[in-house]
Protein backbone atom coordinates (compact mmCIF):
# COMPACT_ATOMS: atom_id res chain seq x y z
CA UNK A 1 -0.02 -0.09 -0.05
CA UNK A 2 2.72 2.45 1.03
CA UNK A 3 4.65 1.61 -2.05
CA UNK A 4 1.56 2.73 -4.27
CA UNK A 5 1.37 5.91 -2.42
CA UNK A 6 4.98 6.57 -3.12
CA UNK A 7 4.60 6.07 -6.91
CA UNK A 8 1.44 8.04 -7.12
CA UNK A 9 2.92 11.28 -5.43
CA UNK A 10 6.43 11.09 -6.83
CA UNK A 11 6.55 12.61 -10.38
CA UNK A 12 9.71 10.37 -10.98
CA UNK A 13 7.40 7.19 -11.22
CA UNK A 14 4.67 6.11 -13.63
CA UNK A 15 1.64 4.18 -12.20
CA UNK A 16 1.11 2.14 -15.32
CA UNK A 17 4.65 0.94 -15.48
CA UNK A 18 4.58 0.27 -11.75
CA UNK A 19 1.57 -1.91 -12.11
CA UNK A 20 3.34 -3.96 -14.63
CA UNK A 21 6.44 -4.27 -12.35
CA UNK A 22 8.64 -2.72 -15.16
CA UNK A 23 9.98 0.43 -13.63
CA UNK A 24 12.83 0.42 -11.01
CA UNK A 25 12.84 3.07 -8.28
CA UNK A 26 15.74 5.02 -9.84
CA UNK A 27 14.07 5.43 -13.34
CA UNK A 28 12.89 9.02 -14.17
CA UNK A 29 9.84 9.73 -16.32
CA UNK A 30 7.44 12.39 -16.96
CA UNK A 31 4.70 13.05 -14.30
CA UNK A 32 1.43 11.18 -14.77
CA UNK A 33 -2.15 12.67 -14.85
CA UNK A 34 -5.04 10.76 -13.19
CA UNK A 35 -8.42 10.76 -14.65
CA UNK A 36 -10.95 10.85 -11.84
CA UNK A 37 -14.67 11.70 -11.71
CA UNK A 38 -15.72 15.24 -10.99
CA UNK A 39 -16.96 14.41 -7.44
CA UNK A 40 -13.54 13.10 -6.51
CA UNK A 41 -10.15 15.07 -6.19
CA UNK A 42 -6.76 13.92 -5.15
CA UNK A 43 -4.75 16.02 -2.82
CA UNK A 44 -0.97 15.49 -2.17
CA UNK A 45 -1.85 14.91 1.59
CA UNK A 46 -4.58 12.30 0.82
CA UNK A 47 -4.39 8.61 1.52
CA UNK A 48 -5.57 6.18 -1.04
CA UNK A 49 -7.28 2.90 -0.73
CA UNK A 50 -7.14 0.50 -3.63
CA UNK A 51 -8.46 -2.99 -4.59
CA UNK A 52 -6.19 -3.38 -7.50
CA UNK A 53 -3.19 -1.64 -9.22
CA UNK A 54 -5.21 -0.38 -12.01
CA UNK A 55 -8.31 0.75 -10.32
CA UNK A 56 -8.54 2.93 -7.27
CA UNK A 57 -10.71 5.55 -5.38
CA UNK A 58 -9.69 8.05 -2.85
CA UNK A 59 -11.06 7.87 0.75
CA UNK A 60 -11.16 11.43 1.81
CA UNK A 61 -12.32 10.70 5.37
CA UNK A 62 -9.17 8.90 6.28
CA UNK A 63 -6.91 10.87 3.94
CA UNK A 64 -5.32 13.54 6.09
CA UNK A 65 -1.81 12.85 5.20
CA UNK A 66 0.52 10.27 3.61
CA UNK A 67 0.99 7.35 5.92
CA UNK A 68 4.17 7.18 8.19
CA UNK A 69 5.31 4.14 6.24
CA UNK A 70 5.03 6.09 3.00
CA UNK A 71 7.08 8.89 4.47
CA UNK A 72 9.71 6.32 5.55
CA UNK A 73 9.92 4.98 2.04
CA UNK A 74 10.24 8.44 0.54
CA UNK A 75 13.00 9.44 2.97
CA UNK A 76 14.86 6.09 2.18
CA UNK A 77 14.75 7.02 -1.41
CA UNK A 78 17.27 9.77 -0.52
CA UNK A 79 20.93 8.36 -0.85
CA UNK A 80 22.94 7.88 2.27
CA UNK A 81 25.40 10.53 1.26
CA UNK A 82 22.60 13.07 1.38
CA UNK A 83 21.25 12.31 4.78
CA UNK A 84 24.58 10.97 6.49
CA UNK A 85 24.43 13.68 9.20
CA UNK A 86 21.07 12.89 10.34
CA UNK A 87 21.85 9.14 10.46
CA UNK A 88 24.87 10.01 12.53
CA UNK A 89 22.69 11.88 14.95
CA UNK A 90 22.98 15.51 14.25
CA UNK A 91 19.30 15.89 15.31
CA UNK A 92 19.63 13.21 18.02
CA UNK A 93 17.72 10.68 15.77
CA UNK A 94 14.47 12.44 16.08
CA UNK A 95 11.78 10.78 13.95
CA UNK A 96 14.21 8.04 12.75
CA UNK A 97 13.76 5.46 15.50
CA UNK A 98 9.89 4.99 15.49
CA UNK A 99 9.32 4.05 12.78
CA UNK A 100 12.80 2.82 12.05
CA UNK A 101 14.61 4.62 9.30
CA UNK A 102 15.98 1.96 6.79
CA UNK A 103 19.32 3.88 6.40
CA UNK A 104 19.75 4.06 10.19
CA UNK A 105 18.90 0.36 10.54
CA UNK A 106 21.55 -0.57 8.06
CA UNK A 107 24.21 1.77 9.67
CA UNK A 108 23.52 0.42 13.24
CA UNK A 109 24.11 -3.22 11.91
CA UNK A 110 27.10 -2.14 9.98
CA UNK A 111 28.91 -0.44 13.01
CA UNK A 112 27.70 -3.41 15.09
CA UNK A 113 29.39 -5.81 12.89
CA UNK A 114 32.71 -3.60 13.30
CA UNK A 115 32.24 -4.16 17.11
CA UNK A 116 31.55 -7.99 16.52
CA UNK A 117 34.88 -8.15 14.62
CA UNK A 118 36.48 -7.53 18.02
CA UNK A 119 35.11 -10.72 19.41
CA UNK A 120 35.57 -12.91 16.19
CA UNK A 121 39.27 -11.91 15.84
CA UNK A 122 40.25 -12.10 19.67
CA UNK A 123 42.15 -15.13 20.79
CA UNK A 124 40.61 -16.11 24.13
CA UNK A 125 41.90 -19.77 24.28
CA UNK A 126 43.84 -19.95 27.68
CA UNK A 127 45.72 -22.98 26.13
CA UNK A 128 47.27 -20.72 23.46
CA UNK A 129 50.37 -18.91 23.99
CA UNK A 130 48.68 -16.08 21.96
CA UNK A 131 45.78 -15.74 24.30
CA UNK A 132 44.92 -12.16 24.57
CA UNK A 133 46.00 -11.24 21.04
CA UNK A 134 44.29 -10.42 17.95
CA UNK A 135 44.30 -13.36 15.55
CA UNK A 136 44.36 -11.40 12.33
CA UNK A 137 46.94 -8.85 11.44
CA UNK A 138 47.08 -5.62 9.39
CA UNK A 139 45.94 -5.66 5.81
CA UNK A 140 44.38 -9.15 6.28
CA UNK A 141 42.12 -8.23 9.30
CA UNK A 142 38.89 -7.59 7.43
CA UNK A 143 39.65 -10.17 4.75
CA UNK A 144 39.85 -12.96 7.29
CA UNK A 145 36.58 -11.80 8.83
CA UNK A 146 34.86 -11.83 5.44
CA UNK A 147 34.51 -7.96 5.64
CA UNK A 148 36.96 -7.04 2.80
CA UNK A 149 34.04 -5.56 0.72
CA UNK A 150 33.36 -2.91 3.74
CA UNK A 151 36.10 -0.66 2.09
CA UNK A 152 37.87 0.16 5.40
CA UNK A 153 41.57 -0.42 6.42
CA UNK A 154 42.61 -1.25 9.90
CA UNK A 155 45.36 1.24 10.85
CA UNK A 156 46.20 0.39 14.50
CA UNK A 157 45.70 -2.17 17.16
CA UNK A 158 44.64 -0.87 20.72
CA UNK A 159 46.13 -2.55 23.83
CA UNK A 160 45.51 -2.16 27.50
CA UNK A 161 47.37 -3.44 30.49
CA UNK A 162 45.85 -6.29 32.42
CA UNK A 163 47.54 -5.02 35.78
CA UNK A 164 44.40 -3.36 37.01
CA UNK A 165 41.54 -4.37 39.17
CA UNK A 166 39.23 -6.05 36.57
CA UNK A 167 40.71 -9.71 36.81
CA UNK A 168 37.54 -11.27 35.06
CA UNK A 169 37.72 -9.03 32.10
CA UNK A 170 41.17 -10.06 30.86
CA UNK A 171 42.15 -13.37 29.22
CA UNK A 172 45.47 -14.84 30.04
CA UNK A 173 47.32 -17.82 28.71
CA UNK A 174 47.92 -20.94 30.97
CA UNK A 175 51.40 -21.40 29.38
CA UNK A 176 54.55 -19.96 30.78
CA UNK A 177 55.70 -18.81 27.30
CA UNK A 178 53.40 -16.19 25.97
CA UNK A 179 53.39 -13.11 23.81
CA UNK A 180 52.94 -10.73 26.75
CA UNK A 181 52.38 -11.12 30.67
CA UNK A 182 50.80 -7.79 30.92
CA UNK A 183 48.74 -6.75 27.81
CA UNK A 184 45.45 -7.62 26.30
CA UNK A 185 44.22 -6.58 22.68
CA UNK A 186 41.34 -4.14 23.22
CA UNK A 187 40.17 -3.24 19.67
CA UNK A 188 41.33 -1.36 16.62
CA UNK A 189 41.17 1.90 14.69
CA UNK A 190 40.11 1.85 10.89
CA UNK A 191 39.36 4.30 8.13
CA UNK A 192 37.32 4.04 4.99
CA UNK A 193 39.70 4.08 2.03
CA UNK A 194 37.66 2.58 -0.79
CA UNK A 195 36.50 5.46 -3.03
CA UNK A 196 33.16 3.83 -3.77
CA UNK A 197 32.44 3.56 -0.15
CA UNK A 198 33.42 7.05 0.48
CA UNK A 199 31.07 8.42 -2.11
CA UNK A 200 28.26 6.11 -0.71
CA UNK A 201 28.91 7.45 2.91
CA UNK A 202 29.38 11.04 1.77
CA UNK A 203 32.49 11.38 3.64
CA UNK A 204 35.64 9.56 4.93
CA UNK A 205 34.80 7.66 8.16
CA UNK A 206 37.12 6.96 11.06
CA UNK A 207 36.01 3.95 13.10
CA UNK A 208 37.04 3.06 16.64
CA UNK A 209 35.88 -0.36 17.69
CA UNK A 210 36.46 -1.52 21.33
CA UNK A 211 36.34 -5.05 22.56
CA UNK A 212 34.03 -6.19 25.19
CA UNK A 213 34.37 -9.24 27.46
CA UNK A 214 34.16 -12.75 26.30
CA UNK A 215 32.62 -13.85 29.57
CA UNK A 216 29.33 -12.38 30.71
CA UNK A 217 28.50 -10.96 34.22
CA UNK A 218 31.94 -11.82 35.86
CA UNK A 219 33.50 -8.52 34.95
CA UNK A 220 30.38 -6.72 36.33
CA UNK A 221 31.23 -7.99 39.85
CA UNK A 222 34.76 -6.33 39.49
CA UNK A 223 33.18 -2.91 39.38
CA UNK A 224 33.45 -1.03 42.53
CA UNK A 225 30.83 1.52 41.75
CA UNK A 226 33.37 4.17 42.66
CA UNK A 227 33.32 7.44 40.78
CA UNK A 228 36.66 9.24 40.21
CA UNK A 229 37.34 12.67 38.48
CA UNK A 230 37.97 12.31 34.67
CA UNK A 231 40.47 15.15 34.77
CA UNK A 232 40.47 15.56 30.98
CA UNK A 233 39.58 19.16 31.57
CA UNK A 234 39.73 21.45 34.67
CA UNK A 235 36.61 20.27 36.23
CA UNK A 236 36.81 17.55 38.90
CA UNK A 237 33.09 17.33 39.13
CA UNK A 238 33.00 15.39 35.88
CA UNK A 239 33.36 11.81 37.16
CA UNK A 240 33.79 8.34 35.68
CA UNK A 241 33.46 4.83 37.04
CA UNK A 242 36.99 4.06 38.33
CA UNK A 243 37.42 0.61 36.67
CA UNK A 244 36.60 2.02 33.20
CA UNK A 245 38.96 4.97 33.86
CA UNK A 246 41.83 2.75 34.93
CA UNK A 247 41.35 0.50 31.89
CA UNK A 248 41.45 3.44 29.75
CA UNK A 249 44.28 5.46 31.27
CA UNK A 250 46.67 2.93 32.89
CA UNK A 251 49.98 2.01 31.23
CA UNK A 252 52.64 -0.64 32.03
CA UNK A 253 56.26 0.61 31.33
CA UNK A 254 57.75 -2.98 31.51
CA UNK A 255 55.45 -4.12 28.61
CA UNK A 256 56.19 -2.68 25.03
CA UNK A 257 52.55 -3.07 24.19
CA UNK A 258 51.41 -0.96 27.16
CA UNK A 259 54.09 1.78 27.10
CA UNK A 260 51.32 3.97 26.05
CA UNK A 261 47.86 3.76 27.67
CA UNK A 262 44.80 2.86 25.64
CA UNK A 263 43.77 6.52 25.79
CA UNK A 264 47.15 7.68 24.37
CA UNK A 265 46.95 5.19 21.74
CA UNK A 266 43.56 6.10 20.43
CA UNK A 267 44.23 9.93 20.62
CA UNK A 268 47.45 9.67 18.72
CA UNK A 269 45.81 7.57 15.98
CA UNK A 270 42.80 9.78 15.67
CA UNK A 271 45.13 12.94 15.44
CA UNK A 272 47.37 11.18 12.80
CA UNK A 273 44.45 10.30 10.59
CA UNK A 274 42.91 13.64 10.77
CA UNK A 275 46.07 15.20 9.80
CA UNK A 276 46.67 12.96 6.95
CA UNK A 277 43.21 13.61 5.51
CA UNK A 278 42.99 17.20 6.28
CA UNK A 279 40.63 19.25 4.19
CA UNK A 280 38.36 16.14 3.57
CA UNK A 281 34.89 15.61 5.00
CA UNK A 282 35.41 13.40 7.90
CA UNK A 283 33.39 11.75 10.65
CA UNK A 284 34.51 9.81 13.71
CA UNK A 285 32.38 6.81 14.63
CA UNK A 286 33.04 4.75 17.77
CA UNK A 287 31.41 1.56 18.58
CA UNK A 288 31.53 -1.25 21.12
CA UNK A 289 29.59 -3.77 23.08
CA UNK A 290 29.26 -4.20 26.94
CA UNK A 291 32.44 -3.02 28.58
CA UNK A 292 33.61 -2.05 25.05
CA UNK A 293 30.51 0.17 24.84
CA UNK A 294 31.60 2.01 27.98
CA UNK A 295 35.15 2.57 26.47
CA UNK A 296 33.56 3.87 23.37
CA UNK A 297 31.57 6.61 25.22
CA UNK A 298 34.48 7.39 27.42
CA UNK A 299 36.87 7.70 24.34
CA UNK A 300 34.39 9.82 22.43
CA UNK A 301 34.12 12.27 25.49
CA UNK A 302 37.97 12.29 25.60
CA UNK A 303 38.45 13.11 21.74
CA UNK A 304 35.95 15.92 22.08
CA UNK A 305 37.29 17.24 25.39
CA UNK A 306 40.77 17.40 23.94
CA UNK A 307 39.31 19.06 20.77
CA UNK A 308 40.80 16.71 18.36
CA UNK A 309 37.64 17.00 16.19
CA UNK A 310 38.20 20.78 15.93
CA UNK A 311 40.17 21.40 12.69
CA UNK A 312 41.52 24.43 11.04
CA UNK A 313 40.57 24.35 7.23
CA UNK A 314 42.43 27.69 6.47
CA UNK A 315 39.55 29.89 6.24
CA UNK A 316 37.53 28.53 9.16
CA UNK A 317 37.39 26.14 12.09
CA UNK A 318 35.46 22.92 11.27
CA UNK A 319 33.95 20.47 13.72
CA UNK A 320 34.16 16.69 12.94
CA UNK A 321 31.10 15.02 14.16
CA UNK A 322 31.56 12.25 16.72
CA UNK A 323 28.94 9.51 17.10
CA UNK A 324 28.89 6.40 19.25
CA UNK A 325 26.73 3.36 18.48
CA UNK A 326 26.90 1.43 21.56
CA UNK A 327 25.39 -2.05 22.37
CA UNK A 328 24.41 -3.15 25.84
CA UNK A 329 26.40 -0.32 27.52
CA UNK A 330 26.57 0.09 31.24
CA UNK A 331 26.45 3.52 32.68
CA UNK A 332 29.96 5.28 32.49
CA UNK A 333 29.80 8.43 34.62
CA UNK A 334 27.71 10.76 36.80
CA UNK A 335 25.27 13.43 35.63
CA UNK A 336 27.91 15.92 35.13
CA UNK A 337 29.72 13.70 32.67
CA UNK A 338 26.37 13.25 30.75
CA UNK A 339 25.73 16.91 30.64
CA UNK A 340 29.38 17.62 29.39
CA UNK A 341 29.01 15.08 26.61
CA UNK A 342 25.77 16.96 25.48
CA UNK A 343 27.56 20.21 25.66
CA UNK A 344 30.36 19.02 23.52
CA UNK A 345 28.02 17.64 20.81
CA UNK A 346 28.73 13.89 21.32
CA UNK A 347 25.92 11.85 19.76
CA UNK A 348 25.31 8.58 21.40
CA UNK A 349 22.82 5.97 20.20
CA UNK A 350 22.53 3.17 22.93
CA UNK A 351 21.07 -0.13 21.55
CA UNK A 352 19.64 -2.25 24.40
CA UNK A 353 17.67 -5.46 25.13
CA UNK A 354 15.11 -4.52 27.75
CA UNK A 355 15.81 -7.95 29.49
CA UNK A 356 19.51 -7.27 29.77
CA UNK A 357 20.87 -6.34 33.16
CA UNK A 358 24.12 -4.75 32.12
CA UNK A 359 22.51 -1.35 31.03
CA UNK A 360 21.09 -1.04 34.50
CA UNK A 361 24.53 -0.66 36.27
CA UNK A 362 26.23 0.90 37.81
CA UNK A 363 23.94 3.46 39.54
CA UNK A 364 21.17 1.29 40.74
CA UNK A 365 19.97 3.57 43.38
CA UNK A 366 20.72 6.96 41.72
CA UNK A 367 20.53 7.29 38.02
CA UNK A 368 18.91 9.41 35.26
CA UNK A 369 15.52 8.04 36.11
CA UNK A 370 15.61 9.54 39.55
CA UNK A 371 13.84 12.74 39.92
CA UNK A 372 16.37 14.30 42.35
CA UNK A 373 19.64 13.20 40.84
CA UNK A 374 20.88 16.65 40.09
CA UNK A 375 20.00 17.84 43.54
CA UNK A 376 21.93 15.03 45.34
CA UNK A 377 25.02 15.39 43.00
CA UNK A 378 25.09 19.32 43.40
CA UNK A 379 24.06 19.48 47.18
CA UNK A 380 25.34 16.41 48.87
CA UNK A 381 27.97 15.09 46.35
CA UNK A 382 26.25 11.68 46.43
CA UNK A 383 29.13 9.31 45.31
CA UNK A 384 27.11 6.57 43.50
CA UNK A 385 25.08 8.72 41.08
CA UNK A 386 25.35 7.52 37.38
CA UNK A 387 23.60 8.69 34.27
CA UNK A 388 23.22 7.22 30.75
CA UNK A 389 24.37 9.37 27.80
CA UNK A 390 22.44 9.82 24.59
CA UNK A 391 19.34 8.35 23.00
CA UNK A 392 18.13 4.74 23.64
CA UNK A 393 16.87 2.20 21.07
CA UNK A 394 15.19 -0.33 23.42
CA UNK A 395 14.51 -3.69 21.84
CA UNK A 396 12.68 -6.75 23.20
CA UNK A 397 13.96 -10.26 22.24
CA UNK A 398 10.69 -11.86 23.01
CA UNK A 399 9.28 -10.23 19.94
CA UNK A 400 11.38 -12.23 17.71
CA UNK A 401 9.72 -15.31 16.49
CA UNK A 402 13.17 -16.89 15.75
CA UNK A 403 14.50 -16.84 19.37
CA UNK A 404 13.51 -19.18 22.24
CA UNK A 405 12.57 -18.21 25.78
CA UNK A 406 15.52 -18.31 27.89
CA UNK A 407 16.84 -17.36 31.38
CA UNK A 408 20.37 -17.33 30.14
CA UNK A 409 21.74 -13.85 30.72
CA UNK A 410 24.48 -14.32 28.30
CA UNK A 411 21.80 -14.77 25.55
CA UNK A 412 19.96 -11.62 26.21
CA UNK A 413 23.37 -9.81 26.40
CA UNK A 414 24.78 -11.20 23.20
CA UNK A 415 25.86 -8.80 20.42
CA UNK A 416 24.68 -10.76 17.49
CA UNK A 417 21.26 -11.12 19.09
CA UNK A 418 21.16 -7.39 19.23
CA UNK A 419 21.81 -7.07 15.57
CA UNK A 420 19.18 -9.55 14.76
CA UNK A 421 16.71 -7.45 16.83
CA UNK A 422 17.70 -4.38 15.09
CA UNK A 423 17.01 -5.87 11.69
CA UNK A 424 13.56 -7.00 12.75
CA UNK A 425 12.55 -3.81 14.47
CA UNK A 426 10.18 -1.40 12.60
CA UNK A 427 8.85 0.62 15.51
CA UNK A 428 6.84 0.21 18.73
CA UNK A 429 3.87 -2.17 18.23
CA UNK A 430 4.92 -3.07 14.78
CA UNK A 431 5.39 -6.58 13.60
CA UNK A 432 8.86 -8.18 13.77
CA UNK A 433 10.25 -8.57 10.29
CA UNK A 434 13.72 -9.00 9.06
CA UNK A 435 14.29 -6.03 6.90
CA UNK A 436 17.71 -6.80 5.51
CA UNK A 437 17.16 -10.60 5.73
CA UNK A 438 20.44 -10.86 7.87
CA UNK A 439 21.18 -14.41 8.47
CA UNK A 440 19.68 -15.81 11.58
CA UNK A 441 22.30 -18.34 12.03
CA UNK A 442 24.76 -15.60 13.20
CA UNK A 443 22.75 -15.33 16.51
CA UNK A 444 24.12 -18.69 17.46
CA UNK A 445 27.58 -17.84 16.61
CA UNK A 446 28.57 -17.78 20.22
CA UNK A 447 25.25 -18.39 21.95
CA UNK A 448 22.52 -20.92 22.03
CA UNK A 449 19.63 -18.65 21.41
CA UNK A 450 17.81 -19.70 18.19
CA UNK A 451 14.81 -22.03 18.42
CA UNK A 452 15.78 -25.76 17.78
CA UNK A 453 13.78 -26.04 14.57
CA UNK A 454 16.15 -23.85 12.71
CA UNK A 455 18.83 -26.56 13.12
CA UNK A 456 21.68 -24.11 13.76
CA UNK A 457 24.14 -25.66 16.41
CA UNK A 458 25.10 -23.52 19.36
CA UNK A 459 28.39 -21.75 19.60
CA UNK A 460 29.21 -22.84 16.17
CA UNK A 461 32.00 -20.28 15.20
CA UNK A 462 35.49 -21.38 15.38
CA UNK A 463 38.71 -21.25 13.27
CA UNK A 464 39.21 -24.13 10.93
CA UNK A 465 40.95 -26.87 12.75
CA UNK A 466 41.16 -24.49 15.67
CA UNK A 467 44.05 -22.67 13.71
CA UNK A 468 46.28 -25.83 13.21
CA UNK A 469 47.86 -26.42 9.93
CA UNK A 470 49.95 -29.23 8.42
CA UNK A 471 53.61 -28.66 8.05
CA UNK A 472 55.80 -29.55 5.16
CA UNK A 473 56.73 -32.93 7.05
CA UNK A 474 53.06 -33.77 7.48
CA UNK A 475 52.79 -32.81 11.22
CA UNK A 476 49.91 -30.70 12.46
CA UNK A 477 51.27 -27.64 14.28
CA UNK A 478 50.06 -24.22 15.54
CA UNK A 479 51.85 -21.85 13.24
CA UNK A 480 53.80 -18.86 14.67
CA UNK A 481 52.04 -15.63 14.35
CA UNK A 482 53.98 -12.69 13.02
CA UNK A 483 54.87 -10.15 15.61
CA UNK A 484 53.03 -6.94 15.12
CA UNK A 485 54.48 -3.51 15.87
CA UNK A 486 53.59 -2.53 19.38
CA UNK A 487 53.11 1.17 18.57
CA UNK A 488 53.87 3.24 15.52
CA UNK A 489 57.18 5.32 16.20
CA UNK A 490 55.25 8.63 15.72
CA UNK A 491 52.95 8.04 18.62
CA UNK A 492 54.64 10.41 21.21
CA UNK A 493 54.83 12.98 18.47
CA UNK A 494 51.06 13.06 17.98
CA UNK A 495 50.55 13.25 21.75
CA UNK A 496 52.94 16.30 22.32
CA UNK A 497 50.37 19.11 21.90
CA UNK A 498 48.29 17.57 24.65
CA UNK A 499 51.04 17.22 27.19
CA UNK A 500 49.61 13.81 27.71
CA UNK A 501 53.10 12.14 27.74
CA UNK A 502 54.64 14.59 30.17
CA UNK A 503 51.65 14.42 32.49
CA UNK A 504 51.48 10.65 32.55
CA UNK A 505 55.36 10.46 33.12
CA UNK A 506 54.91 12.89 36.15
CA UNK A 507 52.20 11.00 37.54
CA UNK A 508 54.27 7.80 37.21
CA UNK A 509 57.15 9.29 39.15
CA UNK A 510 54.84 10.44 41.84
CA UNK A 511 53.59 6.93 42.42
CA UNK A 512 56.93 5.80 43.66
CA UNK A 513 57.47 8.84 45.98
CA UNK A 514 55.61 12.01 46.81
CA UNK A 515 57.61 14.23 49.27
CA UNK A 516 55.50 16.61 51.36
CA UNK A 517 55.81 19.42 53.87
CA UNK A 518 53.14 21.03 56.01
CA UNK A 519 49.56 19.88 57.00
CA UNK A 520 50.54 20.23 60.68
CA UNK A 521 53.01 17.37 60.69
CA UNK A 522 56.65 17.47 61.44
CA UNK A 523 59.06 18.13 58.49
CA UNK A 524 60.14 15.03 56.68
CA UNK A 525 57.37 12.92 57.88
CA UNK A 526 54.66 11.68 55.63
CA UNK A 527 51.10 10.41 55.91
CA UNK A 528 48.63 8.52 53.68
CA UNK A 529 46.19 10.70 51.73
CA UNK A 530 42.40 10.15 51.85
CA UNK A 531 41.83 7.96 48.75
CA UNK A 532 38.34 9.63 48.00
CA UNK A 533 39.49 13.22 48.25
CA UNK A 534 43.06 13.45 47.13
CA UNK A 535 44.12 15.34 44.05
CA UNK A 536 47.07 16.95 42.46
CA UNK A 537 47.01 20.39 40.86
CA UNK A 538 49.52 20.59 37.86
CA UNK A 539 49.19 23.95 35.92
CA UNK A 540 45.37 23.91 35.00
CA UNK A 541 45.03 20.18 35.31
CA UNK A 542 43.62 18.27 38.38
CA UNK A 543 45.32 14.89 38.68
CA UNK A 544 43.82 11.98 40.80
CA UNK A 545 46.19 10.84 43.53
CA UNK A 546 44.12 7.93 44.81
CA UNK A 547 46.46 5.13 45.78
CA UNK A 548 49.41 7.37 46.35
CA UNK A 549 51.19 6.92 49.61
CA UNK A 550 52.84 10.24 50.62
CA UNK A 551 51.59 13.87 50.48
CA UNK A 552 52.10 17.35 51.75
CA UNK A 553 51.33 20.79 50.48
CA UNK A 554 54.32 20.80 48.05
CA UNK A 555 55.58 18.01 45.83
CA UNK A 556 58.81 17.58 44.09
CA UNK A 557 59.14 15.05 41.28
CA UNK A 558 62.14 14.32 39.05
CA UNK A 559 61.67 14.71 35.28
CA UNK A 560 63.72 15.20 32.34
CA UNK A 561 66.97 15.36 34.50
CA UNK A 562 65.56 18.32 36.58
CA UNK A 563 63.37 18.70 39.59
CA UNK A 564 59.97 20.09 38.93
CA UNK A 565 57.66 21.58 41.66
CA UNK A 566 53.95 21.24 41.66
CA UNK A 567 51.24 22.05 44.15
CA UNK A 568 49.17 19.52 46.12
CA UNK A 569 46.10 19.81 48.19
CA UNK A 570 42.88 18.12 49.24
CA UNK A 571 39.45 18.68 47.47
């Protein structure tokens, strides 16, 4: 019905040809004229009822405007390169989620598959000496994942140190001889390089994809529900969950893969790509699932706060849009963090399953649904107040006829299941129908969620022969993987303008010794600082000192062969 409305009211299409099924959507012809009785008139806002394609009569009582479905089809008729800013959230996806815009549906799934690539390429086998690494390297990354046609090139691996208090998140080998004792592969940065894809998108797209956890709720128990100041700007009231913050900012100097923190790695690569393609239309799109979704929101905030997306085009300053497509994301920070993300223009679309528990934490008692959240944050500094960022696309797996009823929390949290639900969602109260005909077998790639009548085995995805190959002498072996470059040699160069390297070096030196004077104690003595209230002032930056052992009102730290003096205090 909606398709008929489209052909009638769009002068590009011919009704007679449409009725024969001979005219494609893209064909252009002369406008048609309709012969109607004198008593009947057709208005462009009228709805039409018909019993056949060649005979129809207008119904003026119900014809107030073209149906929503018709408008959806007409909007989809515009190519993506004309509407990409709306799809990326410039208007906060107003009018695009209900009913679901076909362009937006495809883009959500596309970016979700970039996040899924992190799982499919991650070696989580504890019996492998490569456990914790990415199985596919460099130019072959997307090819090995059957994503070579996406038109993107992976430019950098992202690593994080496992020496933080999230033991259930990291995967470690049971073997003594491993690639690294301290690092885990966390995701990647990629950029669109195919000219056809760039024309289709309407810009060159930079993608950052963060890995979530291969287990389910175990890592949730690691979260201490403690907020700490972000310190990416001079405002200690903007706070982030401490586990996410540590994962994003901690480095390990004894490990070559973690000499730069995950934060430094992603900022340096974004800056490098922006400089390389200066003058082009660019976008920054960040995606992730579960804990990876939290890192996606945190890194989007960091990029915007550090003004990496503000570029000088010679005649004017341009702002590169930053969009996050997150899947099953927990809350990341407090209300001030959410408000600051809004101020910076970061667009976040959170895709959730209403039966999933992960998006409900942390912040069970005080969150964005609590009427007095702003009051308790501003007036009493309530330390467990969290708020989600952005718009939500809430889906319900019980509406899919392909999925079985289950109490398995891992199934309802599964990323492939989320993508399946996006494909079938058309709007609230509308029938579930797979729009892009995405293969339902993908749901069971790493779960047991499909109904048994579809004959798809559970947890079916694995490498052929589990990566074993036959050597020249006929023996089966696990081949050596090529050593990848830990960090590009220009990483420190791209970080210089932010003073990130110097600040992190200073903080590391303070960890070992912070010498103090004052606070009513005898000279030369030291005392432990209050973990919840300690901070260090360096220039205009506030630096968190939780976990430091010594403090007084003046701190001396060695750096670059000279002593530097900084002020310390208590908030």
